[in-house]
N, C-alpha and C. Protein backbone atom coordinates (compact mmCIF):
# COMPACT_ATOMS: atom_id res chain seq x y z
N MET A 1 0.79 -1.20 0.00
CA MET A 1 0.00 0.00 0.00
C MET A 1 0.84 1.26 0.00
N ASP A 2 2.12 1.15 -0.14
CA ASP A 2 2.96 2.34 -0.16
C ASP A 2 2.76 3.18 -1.41
N GLN A 3 2.15 2.61 -2.46
CA GLN A 3 1.94 3.39 -3.66
C GLN A 3 0.90 4.49 -3.45
N HIS A 4 0.09 4.39 -2.39
CA HIS A 4 -0.91 5.41 -2.12
C HIS A 4 -0.31 6.62 -1.40
N TRP A 5 0.85 6.49 -0.82
CA TRP A 5 1.46 7.59 -0.07
C TRP A 5 2.00 8.63 -1.03
N ARG A 6 1.51 9.84 -0.92
CA ARG A 6 1.90 10.90 -1.83
C ARG A 6 3.03 11.74 -1.29
N GLY A 7 3.31 11.60 -0.02
CA GLY A 7 4.37 12.41 0.57
C GLY A 7 3.90 13.81 0.88
N ARG A 8 4.82 14.64 1.38
CA ARG A 8 4.48 16.02 1.70
C ARG A 8 4.61 16.86 0.45
N ASN A 9 3.51 17.42 0.02
CA ASN A 9 3.50 18.24 -1.18
C ASN A 9 3.32 19.71 -0.80
N ILE A 10 4.37 20.28 -0.26
CA ILE A 10 4.33 21.64 0.26
C ILE A 10 4.10 22.65 -0.87
N LYS A 11 4.73 22.45 -2.02
CA LYS A 11 4.55 23.38 -3.14
C LYS A 11 3.11 23.39 -3.61
N THR A 12 2.48 22.23 -3.64
CA THR A 12 1.08 22.16 -4.04
C THR A 12 0.20 22.91 -3.06
N LEU A 13 0.45 22.73 -1.77
CA LEU A 13 -0.36 23.42 -0.77
C LEU A 13 -0.20 24.93 -0.86
N TRP A 14 1.03 25.41 -1.04
CA TRP A 14 1.24 26.85 -1.16
C TRP A 14 0.61 27.38 -2.45
N GLY A 15 0.65 26.61 -3.52
CA GLY A 15 -0.01 27.01 -4.76
C GLY A 15 -1.51 27.13 -4.60
N ILE A 16 -2.09 26.21 -3.84
CA ILE A 16 -3.52 26.26 -3.57
C ILE A 16 -3.87 27.46 -2.69
N VAL A 17 -3.00 27.78 -1.74
CA VAL A 17 -3.21 28.97 -0.89
C VAL A 17 -3.23 30.22 -1.76
N VAL A 18 -2.29 30.32 -2.68
CA VAL A 18 -2.23 31.47 -3.57
C VAL A 18 -3.48 31.54 -4.44
N LEU A 19 -3.95 30.40 -4.92
CA LEU A 19 -5.16 30.35 -5.75
C LEU A 19 -6.39 30.83 -4.96
N GLY A 20 -6.52 30.38 -3.73
CA GLY A 20 -7.64 30.81 -2.90
C GLY A 20 -7.59 32.29 -2.58
N ILE A 21 -6.40 32.79 -2.26
CA ILE A 21 -6.25 34.22 -1.97
C ILE A 21 -6.51 35.05 -3.22
N ALA A 22 -6.08 34.56 -4.38
CA ALA A 22 -6.32 35.28 -5.64
C ALA A 22 -7.81 35.37 -5.93
N TYR A 23 -8.54 34.27 -5.74
CA TYR A 23 -9.99 34.30 -5.96
C TYR A 23 -10.66 35.29 -5.01
N SER A 24 -10.30 35.23 -3.74
CA SER A 24 -10.90 36.13 -2.74
C SER A 24 -10.56 37.58 -3.05
N SER A 25 -9.34 37.85 -3.44
CA SER A 25 -8.92 39.22 -3.75
C SER A 25 -9.64 39.75 -4.98
N LEU A 26 -9.78 38.93 -6.00
CA LEU A 26 -10.48 39.37 -7.20
C LEU A 26 -11.93 39.71 -6.90
N LEU A 27 -12.57 38.90 -6.08
CA LEU A 27 -13.96 39.21 -5.71
C LEU A 27 -14.03 40.48 -4.87
N TYR A 28 -13.06 40.69 -4.02
CA TYR A 28 -13.09 41.86 -3.16
C TYR A 28 -12.87 43.15 -3.95
N TYR A 29 -11.88 43.13 -4.86
CA TYR A 29 -11.53 44.36 -5.57
C TYR A 29 -12.38 44.60 -6.81
N GLN A 30 -12.74 43.55 -7.54
CA GLN A 30 -13.51 43.74 -8.78
C GLN A 30 -15.00 43.48 -8.58
N HIS A 31 -15.37 42.87 -7.47
CA HIS A 31 -16.75 42.56 -7.12
C HIS A 31 -17.39 41.51 -8.02
N THR A 32 -16.72 41.07 -9.04
CA THR A 32 -17.23 40.00 -9.89
C THR A 32 -16.10 39.43 -10.73
N LEU A 33 -16.23 38.18 -11.10
CA LEU A 33 -15.26 37.56 -12.01
C LEU A 33 -15.84 37.43 -13.40
N THR A 34 -17.08 36.99 -13.46
CA THR A 34 -17.71 36.70 -14.74
C THR A 34 -18.84 37.66 -15.08
N GLY A 35 -19.24 38.48 -14.14
CA GLY A 35 -20.36 39.37 -14.36
C GLY A 35 -21.68 38.81 -13.85
N THR A 36 -21.70 37.55 -13.49
CA THR A 36 -22.90 36.90 -12.98
C THR A 36 -22.61 36.34 -11.60
N ASP A 37 -23.41 36.73 -10.63
CA ASP A 37 -23.18 36.27 -9.25
C ASP A 37 -23.32 34.76 -9.13
N ARG A 38 -24.25 34.18 -9.84
CA ARG A 38 -24.47 32.73 -9.77
C ARG A 38 -23.23 31.96 -10.25
N VAL A 39 -22.65 32.37 -11.34
CA VAL A 39 -21.45 31.68 -11.87
C VAL A 39 -20.27 31.92 -10.94
N ASP A 40 -20.12 33.15 -10.44
CA ASP A 40 -19.05 33.43 -9.48
C ASP A 40 -19.18 32.56 -8.24
N GLY A 41 -20.42 32.37 -7.77
CA GLY A 41 -20.66 31.53 -6.60
C GLY A 41 -20.34 30.07 -6.86
N ILE A 42 -20.73 29.58 -8.01
CA ILE A 42 -20.43 28.17 -8.35
C ILE A 42 -18.93 27.96 -8.43
N ILE A 43 -18.22 28.88 -9.05
CA ILE A 43 -16.76 28.79 -9.13
C ILE A 43 -16.16 28.78 -7.73
N GLY A 44 -16.67 29.66 -6.85
CA GLY A 44 -16.13 29.74 -5.50
C GLY A 44 -16.37 28.47 -4.70
N VAL A 45 -17.56 27.91 -4.78
CA VAL A 45 -17.86 26.70 -4.02
C VAL A 45 -17.02 25.53 -4.53
N VAL A 46 -16.94 25.36 -5.82
CA VAL A 46 -16.15 24.25 -6.38
C VAL A 46 -14.66 24.43 -6.06
N LEU A 47 -14.16 25.66 -6.20
CA LEU A 47 -12.76 25.93 -5.87
C LEU A 47 -12.49 25.70 -4.39
N GLY A 48 -13.40 26.13 -3.53
CA GLY A 48 -13.23 25.92 -2.10
C GLY A 48 -13.23 24.44 -1.72
N LEU A 49 -14.11 23.67 -2.34
CA LEU A 49 -14.12 22.23 -2.08
C LEU A 49 -12.82 21.57 -2.56
N TYR A 50 -12.31 22.03 -3.70
CA TYR A 50 -11.04 21.50 -4.19
C TYR A 50 -9.90 21.85 -3.23
N ILE A 51 -9.90 23.08 -2.74
CA ILE A 51 -8.85 23.51 -1.81
C ILE A 51 -8.92 22.68 -0.52
N CYS A 52 -10.12 22.47 -0.01
CA CYS A 52 -10.28 21.70 1.23
C CYS A 52 -9.97 20.22 1.07
N SER A 53 -10.04 19.71 -0.15
CA SER A 53 -9.80 18.28 -0.35
C SER A 53 -8.34 17.90 -0.09
N HIS A 54 -7.41 18.78 -0.33
CA HIS A 54 -6.00 18.44 -0.14
C HIS A 54 -5.63 18.24 1.33
N PRO A 55 -6.00 19.14 2.25
CA PRO A 55 -5.69 18.86 3.65
C PRO A 55 -6.43 17.62 4.17
N ALA A 56 -7.65 17.41 3.68
CA ALA A 56 -8.38 16.21 4.11
C ALA A 56 -7.67 14.94 3.65
N ALA A 57 -7.18 14.94 2.43
CA ALA A 57 -6.44 13.78 1.92
C ALA A 57 -5.13 13.59 2.70
N ASN A 58 -4.47 14.68 3.05
CA ASN A 58 -3.24 14.57 3.82
C ASN A 58 -3.49 14.00 5.20
N LEU A 59 -4.59 14.41 5.82
CA LEU A 59 -4.95 13.87 7.13
C LEU A 59 -5.24 12.38 7.05
N LEU A 60 -5.98 11.97 6.04
CA LEU A 60 -6.26 10.54 5.87
C LEU A 60 -4.98 9.75 5.61
N ASP A 61 -4.08 10.32 4.83
CA ASP A 61 -2.79 9.65 4.61
C ASP A 61 -2.04 9.47 5.92
N MET A 62 -2.05 10.50 6.76
CA MET A 62 -1.33 10.40 8.03
C MET A 62 -1.98 9.37 8.96
N LEU A 63 -3.31 9.29 8.93
CA LEU A 63 -4.00 8.37 9.82
C LEU A 63 -3.89 6.92 9.38
N PHE A 64 -4.01 6.67 8.09
CA PHE A 64 -4.09 5.30 7.62
C PHE A 64 -2.77 4.74 7.10
N PHE A 65 -1.85 5.57 6.71
CA PHE A 65 -0.57 5.11 6.18
C PHE A 65 0.55 5.60 7.08
N ARG A 66 0.58 5.13 8.30
CA ARG A 66 1.54 5.62 9.31
C ARG A 66 2.98 5.30 8.95
N ARG A 67 3.21 4.24 8.22
CA ARG A 67 4.59 3.91 7.86
C ARG A 67 5.22 5.03 7.05
N GLY A 68 4.47 5.56 6.09
CA GLY A 68 4.97 6.67 5.29
C GLY A 68 5.11 7.94 6.11
N ALA A 69 4.23 8.12 7.07
CA ALA A 69 4.30 9.33 7.90
C ALA A 69 5.56 9.35 8.74
N ARG A 70 5.97 8.22 9.23
CA ARG A 70 7.20 8.20 10.05
C ARG A 70 8.43 8.53 9.20
N ARG A 71 8.41 8.13 7.95
CA ARG A 71 9.52 8.47 7.07
C ARG A 71 9.52 9.95 6.73
N GLN A 72 8.35 10.52 6.56
CA GLN A 72 8.25 11.90 6.12
C GLN A 72 8.44 12.91 7.24
N PHE A 73 8.15 12.53 8.48
CA PHE A 73 8.21 13.46 9.60
C PHE A 73 9.28 13.01 10.59
N PRO A 74 10.48 13.54 10.45
CA PRO A 74 11.56 13.10 11.35
C PRO A 74 11.43 13.64 12.77
N SER A 75 10.71 14.73 12.97
CA SER A 75 10.59 15.30 14.32
C SER A 75 9.16 15.77 14.56
N LYS A 76 8.87 16.02 15.83
CA LYS A 76 7.54 16.52 16.19
C LYS A 76 7.33 17.94 15.66
N ARG A 77 8.41 18.71 15.59
CA ARG A 77 8.28 20.08 15.09
C ARG A 77 7.86 20.09 13.63
N SER A 78 8.46 19.25 12.81
CA SER A 78 8.07 19.20 11.40
C SER A 78 6.64 18.70 11.24
N THR A 79 6.23 17.79 12.11
CA THR A 79 4.85 17.32 12.08
C THR A 79 3.88 18.46 12.41
N LEU A 80 4.20 19.24 13.43
CA LEU A 80 3.35 20.37 13.81
C LEU A 80 3.29 21.44 12.72
N LEU A 81 4.42 21.72 12.08
CA LEU A 81 4.43 22.69 10.99
C LEU A 81 3.61 22.20 9.81
N TRP A 82 3.70 20.92 9.51
CA TRP A 82 2.93 20.32 8.43
C TRP A 82 1.42 20.42 8.74
N LEU A 83 1.05 20.13 9.96
CA LEU A 83 -0.36 20.23 10.34
C LEU A 83 -0.84 21.68 10.32
N ALA A 84 0.02 22.62 10.74
CA ALA A 84 -0.35 24.04 10.70
C ALA A 84 -0.58 24.51 9.27
N LEU A 85 0.27 24.08 8.34
CA LEU A 85 0.09 24.43 6.94
C LEU A 85 -1.22 23.85 6.40
N ASN A 86 -1.52 22.63 6.76
CA ASN A 86 -2.77 22.01 6.32
C ASN A 86 -3.97 22.74 6.91
N MET A 87 -3.89 23.18 8.15
CA MET A 87 -4.98 23.93 8.76
C MET A 87 -5.16 25.29 8.07
N LEU A 88 -4.06 25.93 7.68
CA LEU A 88 -4.14 27.19 6.95
C LEU A 88 -4.86 26.98 5.62
N VAL A 89 -4.49 25.94 4.91
CA VAL A 89 -5.12 25.65 3.62
C VAL A 89 -6.60 25.35 3.82
N LEU A 90 -6.93 24.61 4.86
CA LEU A 90 -8.33 24.29 5.15
C LEU A 90 -9.12 25.56 5.48
N LEU A 91 -8.53 26.46 6.24
CA LEU A 91 -9.19 27.73 6.57
C LEU A 91 -9.44 28.55 5.32
N ILE A 92 -8.47 28.64 4.45
CA ILE A 92 -8.64 29.40 3.20
C ILE A 92 -9.71 28.74 2.33
N GLY A 93 -9.74 27.42 2.31
CA GLY A 93 -10.79 26.73 1.56
C GLY A 93 -12.17 27.04 2.10
N TRP A 94 -12.31 27.08 3.43
CA TRP A 94 -13.60 27.43 4.03
C TRP A 94 -14.00 28.86 3.69
N ILE A 95 -13.04 29.76 3.69
CA ILE A 95 -13.33 31.15 3.34
C ILE A 95 -13.82 31.25 1.91
N VAL A 96 -13.17 30.52 1.00
CA VAL A 96 -13.57 30.54 -0.40
C VAL A 96 -14.96 29.94 -0.56
N ILE A 97 -15.25 28.85 0.15
CA ILE A 97 -16.59 28.27 0.10
C ILE A 97 -17.62 29.27 0.63
N PHE A 98 -17.30 29.94 1.73
CA PHE A 98 -18.23 30.94 2.29
C PHE A 98 -18.48 32.07 1.30
N LEU A 99 -17.42 32.58 0.69
CA LEU A 99 -17.59 33.66 -0.28
C LEU A 99 -18.41 33.20 -1.48
N GLY A 100 -18.13 32.00 -1.95
CA GLY A 100 -18.89 31.47 -3.09
C GLY A 100 -20.35 31.25 -2.74
N THR A 101 -20.61 30.75 -1.55
CA THR A 101 -21.99 30.50 -1.13
C THR A 101 -22.76 31.80 -0.98
N THR A 102 -22.15 32.80 -0.36
CA THR A 102 -22.84 34.08 -0.22
C THR A 102 -23.05 34.74 -1.57
N ARG A 103 -22.13 34.55 -2.48
CA ARG A 103 -22.28 35.09 -3.83
C ARG A 103 -23.38 34.34 -4.57
N LEU A 104 -23.50 33.06 -4.29
CA LEU A 104 -24.48 32.22 -4.99
C LEU A 104 -25.91 32.52 -4.53
N VAL A 105 -26.11 32.69 -3.24
CA VAL A 105 -27.48 32.85 -2.73
C VAL A 105 -27.74 34.22 -2.12
N GLY A 106 -26.76 35.07 -2.04
CA GLY A 106 -26.89 36.33 -1.32
C GLY A 106 -27.67 37.41 -2.01
N ARG A 107 -27.60 37.50 -3.30
CA ARG A 107 -28.23 38.61 -4.01
C ARG A 107 -29.34 38.09 -4.93
N ALA A 108 -30.38 38.85 -5.01
CA ALA A 108 -31.46 38.52 -5.94
C ALA A 108 -31.25 39.30 -7.23
N ASP A 109 -31.34 38.60 -8.34
CA ASP A 109 -31.14 39.26 -9.65
C ASP A 109 -32.41 39.88 -10.15
């Protein structure tokens, strides 16, 4: 079952953080991406779910594939930093989902 272990993908997580912040910033400064609130909301919810899926997958990997986790985390400090990064990504994903949901149902056309 070692083929399921993806390892620590820090670059991917930081890329996803940048993507979530870019979406949130564009909505804040331009107030729309496509000109339609419904489409902006759908994009936000789907993007937020995608962002949240990575920390969830990393948590499942740590819980079920402990052999790989011991190889990847040599110390408790690196484990805590890895978990903190995953929590940051999860928080940004929730924010994007919230923004998308409010955009989707918040305004009447």
